[in-house]
Amino acid sequence: MSIKEHSITAMAAALEGSHVAFFGATHDDARAAFKAADALAPDGCEIRRTNGNESIRTRAGGSIHFLSIRSKGGRGMALDRVYVPAALADEDVALEIEACLATSQNPMFIGYL
């Protein structure tokens, strides 16, 4: 799947109330995913375009945060679904992000190309 296709599934999950994080290998990669999701966001979404703190919040209470894998790694976030570049989804990254998924009833860790 392409980043655009993953952005569609991330937006769909957020519109249903899920909390999502989309990690990029770099900040520029995360920003590219944000731009794809931003174009899909329906009216009524709160869109934060602050450099390094891009996010989309939906009326259903869901959200998508766009982060670099080198950033804080989602520390302190409670998430239902994470998207991570497959090439970087090693055991160390998985362990760091795993805590963010601990409270989800249906956690999803998705690797993308």
N, C-alpha and C. Protein backbone atom coordinates (compact mmCIF):
# COMPACT_ATOMS: atom_id res chain seq x y z
N MET A 1 0.83 -1.18 0.00
CA MET A 1 0.00 0.00 0.00
C MET A 1 0.88 1.25 0.00
N SER A 2 0.41 2.26 -0.63
CA SER A 2 1.14 3.53 -0.67
C SER A 2 0.83 4.35 0.59
N ILE A 3 1.60 5.40 0.79
CA ILE A 3 1.33 6.29 1.93
C ILE A 3 -0.07 6.87 1.82
N LYS A 4 -0.49 7.20 0.60
CA LYS A 4 -1.84 7.76 0.43
C LYS A 4 -2.90 6.75 0.87
N GLU A 5 -2.72 5.48 0.50
CA GLU A 5 -3.68 4.45 0.89
C GLU A 5 -3.68 4.25 2.41
N HIS A 6 -2.51 4.27 3.02
CA HIS A 6 -2.45 4.16 4.48
C HIS A 6 -3.06 5.39 5.14
N SER A 7 -2.89 6.55 4.52
CA SER A 7 -3.51 7.77 5.06
C SER A 7 -5.03 7.65 5.05
N ILE A 8 -5.56 7.01 4.03
CA ILE A 8 -7.01 6.79 3.94
C ILE A 8 -7.48 5.90 5.09
N THR A 9 -6.77 4.80 5.34
CA THR A 9 -7.19 3.90 6.42
C THR A 9 -7.00 4.56 7.78
N ALA A 10 -5.94 5.37 7.93
CA ALA A 10 -5.72 6.09 9.18
C ALA A 10 -6.85 7.08 9.42
N MET A 11 -7.24 7.82 8.38
CA MET A 11 -8.32 8.79 8.51
C MET A 11 -9.64 8.08 8.85
N ALA A 12 -9.90 6.96 8.19
CA ALA A 12 -11.13 6.21 8.47
C ALA A 12 -11.18 5.78 9.94
N ALA A 13 -10.05 5.31 10.45
CA ALA A 13 -10.00 4.89 11.86
C ALA A 13 -10.23 6.08 12.79
N ALA A 14 -9.62 7.22 12.49
CA ALA A 14 -9.80 8.41 13.32
C ALA A 14 -11.24 8.90 13.27
N LEU A 15 -11.86 8.82 12.11
CA LEU A 15 -13.25 9.24 11.99
C LEU A 15 -14.19 8.34 12.78
N GLU A 16 -13.74 7.13 13.10
CA GLU A 16 -14.52 6.22 13.93
C GLU A 16 -14.15 6.35 15.41
N GLY A 17 -13.24 7.27 15.73
CA GLY A 17 -12.89 7.52 17.13
C GLY A 17 -11.57 6.94 17.60
N SER A 18 -10.81 6.31 16.71
CA SER A 18 -9.52 5.73 17.11
C SER A 18 -8.44 6.79 17.20
N HIS A 19 -7.46 6.51 18.03
CA HIS A 19 -6.29 7.38 18.17
C HIS A 19 -5.14 6.72 17.42
N VAL A 20 -4.60 7.45 16.46
CA VAL A 20 -3.65 6.91 15.50
C VAL A 20 -2.37 7.74 15.52
N ALA A 21 -1.23 7.08 15.33
CA ALA A 21 0.04 7.77 15.12
C ALA A 21 0.64 7.26 13.82
N PHE A 22 1.12 8.17 13.01
CA PHE A 22 1.74 7.84 11.72
C PHE A 22 3.19 8.29 11.82
N PHE A 23 4.09 7.33 11.91
CA PHE A 23 5.51 7.62 12.04
C PHE A 23 6.16 7.62 10.66
N GLY A 24 7.09 8.54 10.46
CA GLY A 24 7.91 8.57 9.26
C GLY A 24 9.35 8.34 9.64
N ALA A 25 10.17 7.93 8.68
CA ALA A 25 11.59 7.73 8.95
C ALA A 25 12.24 9.06 9.35
N THR A 26 11.75 10.14 8.75
CA THR A 26 12.23 11.49 9.07
C THR A 26 11.01 12.38 9.27
N HIS A 27 11.26 13.60 9.71
CA HIS A 27 10.16 14.55 9.85
C HIS A 27 9.52 14.83 8.49
N ASP A 28 10.33 14.91 7.44
CA ASP A 28 9.79 15.16 6.10
C ASP A 28 8.86 14.04 5.65
N ASP A 29 9.20 12.80 5.99
CA ASP A 29 8.33 11.67 5.65
C ASP A 29 7.01 11.75 6.41
N ALA A 30 7.08 12.10 7.69
CA ALA A 30 5.86 12.24 8.49
C ALA A 30 5.01 13.39 7.93
N ARG A 31 5.67 14.46 7.51
CA ARG A 31 4.94 15.60 6.94
C ARG A 31 4.26 15.21 5.63
N ALA A 32 4.88 14.36 4.82
CA ALA A 32 4.26 13.91 3.57
C ALA A 32 2.99 13.11 3.88
N ALA A 33 3.03 12.28 4.90
CA ALA A 33 1.84 11.53 5.30
C ALA A 33 0.76 12.49 5.81
N PHE A 34 1.18 13.52 6.56
CA PHE A 34 0.22 14.51 7.05
C PHE A 34 -0.47 15.22 5.88
N LYS A 35 0.30 15.61 4.88
CA LYS A 35 -0.29 16.31 3.73
C LYS A 35 -1.31 15.43 3.02
N ALA A 36 -1.02 14.13 2.91
CA ALA A 36 -1.97 13.20 2.27
C ALA A 36 -3.25 13.10 3.10
N ALA A 37 -3.12 13.00 4.42
CA ALA A 37 -4.29 12.89 5.29
C ALA A 37 -5.04 14.22 5.37
N ASP A 38 -4.31 15.32 5.37
CA ASP A 38 -4.92 16.64 5.43
C ASP A 38 -5.87 16.85 4.24
N ALA A 39 -5.46 16.38 3.09
CA ALA A 39 -6.29 16.51 1.89
C ALA A 39 -7.58 15.70 1.99
N LEU A 40 -7.58 14.68 2.84
CA LEU A 40 -8.75 13.79 3.00
C LEU A 40 -9.69 14.22 4.13
N ALA A 41 -9.21 15.10 4.99
CA ALA A 41 -9.98 15.45 6.19
C ALA A 41 -11.28 16.17 5.83
N PRO A 42 -12.40 15.65 6.31
CA PRO A 42 -13.68 16.31 6.04
C PRO A 42 -13.84 17.58 6.89
N ASP A 43 -14.81 18.38 6.53
CA ASP A 43 -15.11 19.58 7.32
C ASP A 43 -15.40 19.18 8.76
N GLY A 44 -15.01 20.02 9.67
CA GLY A 44 -15.26 19.77 11.08
C GLY A 44 -14.07 19.20 11.81
N CYS A 45 -13.03 18.80 11.09
CA CYS A 45 -11.82 18.30 11.74
C CYS A 45 -10.97 19.47 12.19
N GLU A 46 -10.34 19.32 13.32
CA GLU A 46 -9.38 20.32 13.80
C GLU A 46 -8.01 19.90 13.29
N ILE A 47 -7.41 20.75 12.46
CA ILE A 47 -6.13 20.41 11.84
C ILE A 47 -5.05 21.33 12.38
N ARG A 48 -4.02 20.72 12.94
CA ARG A 48 -2.87 21.47 13.47
C ARG A 48 -1.72 21.31 12.48
N ARG A 49 -1.30 22.42 11.91
CA ARG A 49 -0.25 22.40 10.88
C ARG A 49 1.09 22.91 11.40
N THR A 50 1.28 22.96 12.69
CA THR A 50 2.51 23.45 13.29
C THR A 50 3.65 22.50 12.95
N ASN A 51 4.73 23.05 12.45
CA ASN A 51 5.88 22.25 12.05
C ASN A 51 6.37 21.40 13.23
N GLY A 52 6.38 20.09 13.04
CA GLY A 52 6.82 19.18 14.08
C GLY A 52 5.72 18.74 15.03
N ASN A 53 4.53 19.29 14.89
CA ASN A 53 3.42 18.94 15.78
C ASN A 53 2.13 18.82 14.96
N GLU A 54 2.24 18.22 13.78
CA GLU A 54 1.08 18.09 12.91
C GLU A 54 0.11 17.04 13.47
N SER A 55 -1.17 17.35 13.45
CA SER A 55 -2.18 16.40 13.91
C SER A 55 -3.54 16.76 13.34
N ILE A 56 -4.41 15.78 13.34
CA ILE A 56 -5.79 15.97 12.92
C ILE A 56 -6.68 15.35 13.99
N ARG A 57 -7.66 16.10 14.45
CA ARG A 57 -8.64 15.61 15.42
C ARG A 57 -10.01 15.62 14.77
N THR A 58 -10.77 14.57 15.01
CA THR A 58 -12.08 14.43 14.39
C THR A 58 -13.19 14.70 15.39
N ARG A 59 -14.38 14.92 14.87
CA ARG A 59 -15.55 15.16 15.73
C ARG A 59 -15.89 13.95 16.59
N ALA A 60 -15.52 12.76 16.11
CA ALA A 60 -15.81 11.53 16.86
C ALA A 60 -14.85 11.32 18.01
N GLY A 61 -13.88 12.23 18.18
CA GLY A 61 -12.92 12.11 19.26
C GLY A 61 -11.64 11.41 18.87
N GLY A 62 -11.54 10.97 17.63
CA GLY A 62 -10.33 10.32 17.15
C GLY A 62 -9.27 11.34 16.76
N SER A 63 -8.07 10.85 16.54
CA SER A 63 -6.99 11.74 16.16
C SER A 63 -5.92 10.99 15.38
N ILE A 64 -5.15 11.74 14.61
CA ILE A 64 -3.96 11.21 13.94
C ILE A 64 -2.82 12.17 14.24
N HIS A 65 -1.73 11.63 14.75
CA HIS A 65 -0.53 12.42 15.02
C HIS A 65 0.55 11.94 14.06
N PHE A 66 1.35 12.86 13.56
CA PHE A 66 2.38 12.57 12.57
C PHE A 66 3.73 12.89 13.19
N LEU A 67 4.55 11.85 13.36
CA LEU A 67 5.81 11.97 14.09
C LEU A 67 6.96 11.33 13.34
N SER A 68 8.14 11.81 13.60
CA SER A 68 9.35 11.14 13.12
C SER A 68 9.66 9.99 14.07
N ILE A 69 10.14 8.90 13.54
CA ILE A 69 10.50 7.76 14.37
C ILE A 69 11.62 8.14 15.33
N ARG A 70 12.37 9.16 14.97
CA ARG A 70 13.48 9.64 15.82
C ARG A 70 13.01 10.61 16.90
N SER A 71 11.74 11.00 16.86
CA SER A 71 11.22 11.93 17.86
C SER A 71 10.94 11.18 19.16
N LYS A 72 10.05 11.68 19.93
CA LYS A 72 9.76 11.08 21.23
C LYS A 72 9.17 9.68 21.16
N GLY A 73 8.88 9.17 19.99
CA GLY A 73 8.39 7.81 19.85
C GLY A 73 7.00 7.60 20.39
N GLY A 74 6.23 8.67 20.50
CA GLY A 74 4.87 8.54 20.99
C GLY A 74 4.77 8.40 22.50
N ARG A 75 5.87 8.65 23.20
CA ARG A 75 5.84 8.50 24.66
C ARG A 75 4.70 9.30 25.27
N GLY A 76 3.98 8.66 26.17
CA GLY A 76 2.88 9.33 26.86
C GLY A 76 1.57 9.33 26.10
N MET A 77 1.56 8.76 24.91
CA MET A 77 0.33 8.73 24.11
C MET A 77 -0.39 7.40 24.30
N ALA A 78 -1.70 7.44 24.29
CA ALA A 78 -2.52 6.23 24.30
C ALA A 78 -3.09 6.09 22.90
N LEU A 79 -2.68 5.04 22.20
CA LEU A 79 -3.03 4.87 20.80
C LEU A 79 -3.74 3.55 20.56
N ASP A 80 -4.51 3.53 19.47
CA ASP A 80 -5.17 2.30 19.03
C ASP A 80 -4.46 1.70 17.81
N ARG A 81 -3.81 2.55 17.05
CA ARG A 81 -3.22 2.11 15.79
C ARG A 81 -1.98 2.94 15.51
N VAL A 82 -0.89 2.28 15.09
CA VAL A 82 0.32 3.00 14.69
C VAL A 82 0.77 2.50 13.33
N TYR A 83 1.28 3.43 12.54
CA TYR A 83 1.86 3.13 11.24
C TYR A 83 3.35 3.45 11.35
N VAL A 84 4.20 2.47 11.00
CA VAL A 84 5.64 2.61 11.12
C VAL A 84 6.28 2.13 9.82
N PRO A 85 7.31 2.84 9.32
CA PRO A 85 8.00 2.36 8.12
C PRO A 85 8.52 0.94 8.36
N ALA A 86 8.21 0.02 7.47
CA ALA A 86 8.57 -1.39 7.65
C ALA A 86 10.07 -1.57 7.83
N ALA A 87 10.87 -0.78 7.14
CA ALA A 87 12.32 -0.91 7.24
C ALA A 87 12.83 -0.53 8.63
N LEU A 88 12.06 0.23 9.38
CA LEU A 88 12.48 0.67 10.71
C LEU A 88 11.73 -0.03 11.84
N ALA A 89 10.85 -0.94 11.50
CA ALA A 89 10.01 -1.60 12.51
C ALA A 89 10.75 -2.77 13.14
N ASP A 90 11.88 -2.47 13.78
CA ASP A 90 12.64 -3.53 14.43
C ASP A 90 12.15 -3.72 15.87
N GLU A 91 12.80 -4.61 16.58
CA GLU A 91 12.35 -4.94 17.94
C GLU A 91 12.43 -3.74 18.89
N ASP A 92 13.46 -2.92 18.77
CA ASP A 92 13.60 -1.76 19.65
C ASP A 92 12.47 -0.76 19.44
N VAL A 93 12.15 -0.50 18.18
CA VAL A 93 11.05 0.43 17.87
C VAL A 93 9.73 -0.14 18.35
N ALA A 94 9.52 -1.43 18.10
CA ALA A 94 8.28 -2.08 18.52
C ALA A 94 8.11 -2.01 20.04
N LEU A 95 9.18 -2.25 20.78
CA LEU A 95 9.10 -2.20 22.24
C LEU A 95 8.79 -0.79 22.74
N GLU A 96 9.37 0.21 22.07
CA GLU A 96 9.13 1.60 22.48
C GLU A 96 7.69 2.01 22.23
N ILE A 97 7.14 1.57 21.11
CA ILE A 97 5.78 1.97 20.74
C ILE A 97 4.73 1.09 21.40
N GLU A 98 5.11 -0.12 21.77
CA GLU A 98 4.18 -1.07 22.38
C GLU A 98 3.43 -0.49 23.59
N ALA A 99 4.12 0.30 24.39
CA ALA A 99 3.49 0.89 25.57
C ALA A 99 2.33 1.81 25.19
N CYS A 100 2.43 2.45 24.04
CA CYS A 100 1.36 3.35 23.59
C CYS A 100 0.09 2.59 23.24
N LEU A 101 0.24 1.32 22.89
CA LEU A 101 -0.90 0.50 22.47
C LEU A 101 -1.48 -0.33 23.62
N ALA A 102 -0.87 -0.26 24.79
CA ALA A 102 -1.24 -1.13 25.91
C ALA A 102 -2.68 -1.01 26.35
N THR A 103 -3.28 0.17 26.26
CA THR A 103 -4.64 0.35 26.75
C THR A 103 -5.71 0.16 25.68
N SER A 104 -5.29 -0.07 24.45
CA SER A 104 -6.26 -0.23 23.37
C SER A 104 -6.94 -1.60 23.43
N GLN A 105 -8.23 -1.62 23.12
CA GLN A 105 -8.95 -2.89 23.05
C GLN A 105 -8.66 -3.63 21.75
N ASN A 106 -8.21 -2.90 20.73
CA ASN A 106 -7.90 -3.51 19.44
C ASN A 106 -6.63 -2.86 18.86
N PRO A 107 -5.47 -3.12 19.48
CA PRO A 107 -4.24 -2.46 19.03
C PRO A 107 -3.79 -2.96 17.66
N MET A 108 -3.28 -2.05 16.85
CA MET A 108 -2.77 -2.39 15.53
C MET A 108 -1.42 -1.74 15.31
N PHE A 109 -0.42 -2.51 14.97
CA PHE A 109 0.92 -2.04 14.64
C PHE A 109 1.11 -2.37 13.17
N ILE A 110 1.12 -1.35 12.31
CA ILE A 110 1.12 -1.57 10.87
C ILE A 110 2.42 -1.06 10.26
N GLY A 111 3.13 -1.93 9.57
CA GLY A 111 4.32 -1.53 8.86
C GLY A 111 3.96 -1.15 7.44
N TYR A 112 4.59 -0.10 6.93
CA TYR A 112 4.31 0.33 5.55
C TYR A 112 5.62 0.55 4.81
N LEU A 113 5.52 0.51 3.50
CA LEU A 113 6.72 0.71 2.66
C LEU A 113 6.83 2.15 2.23
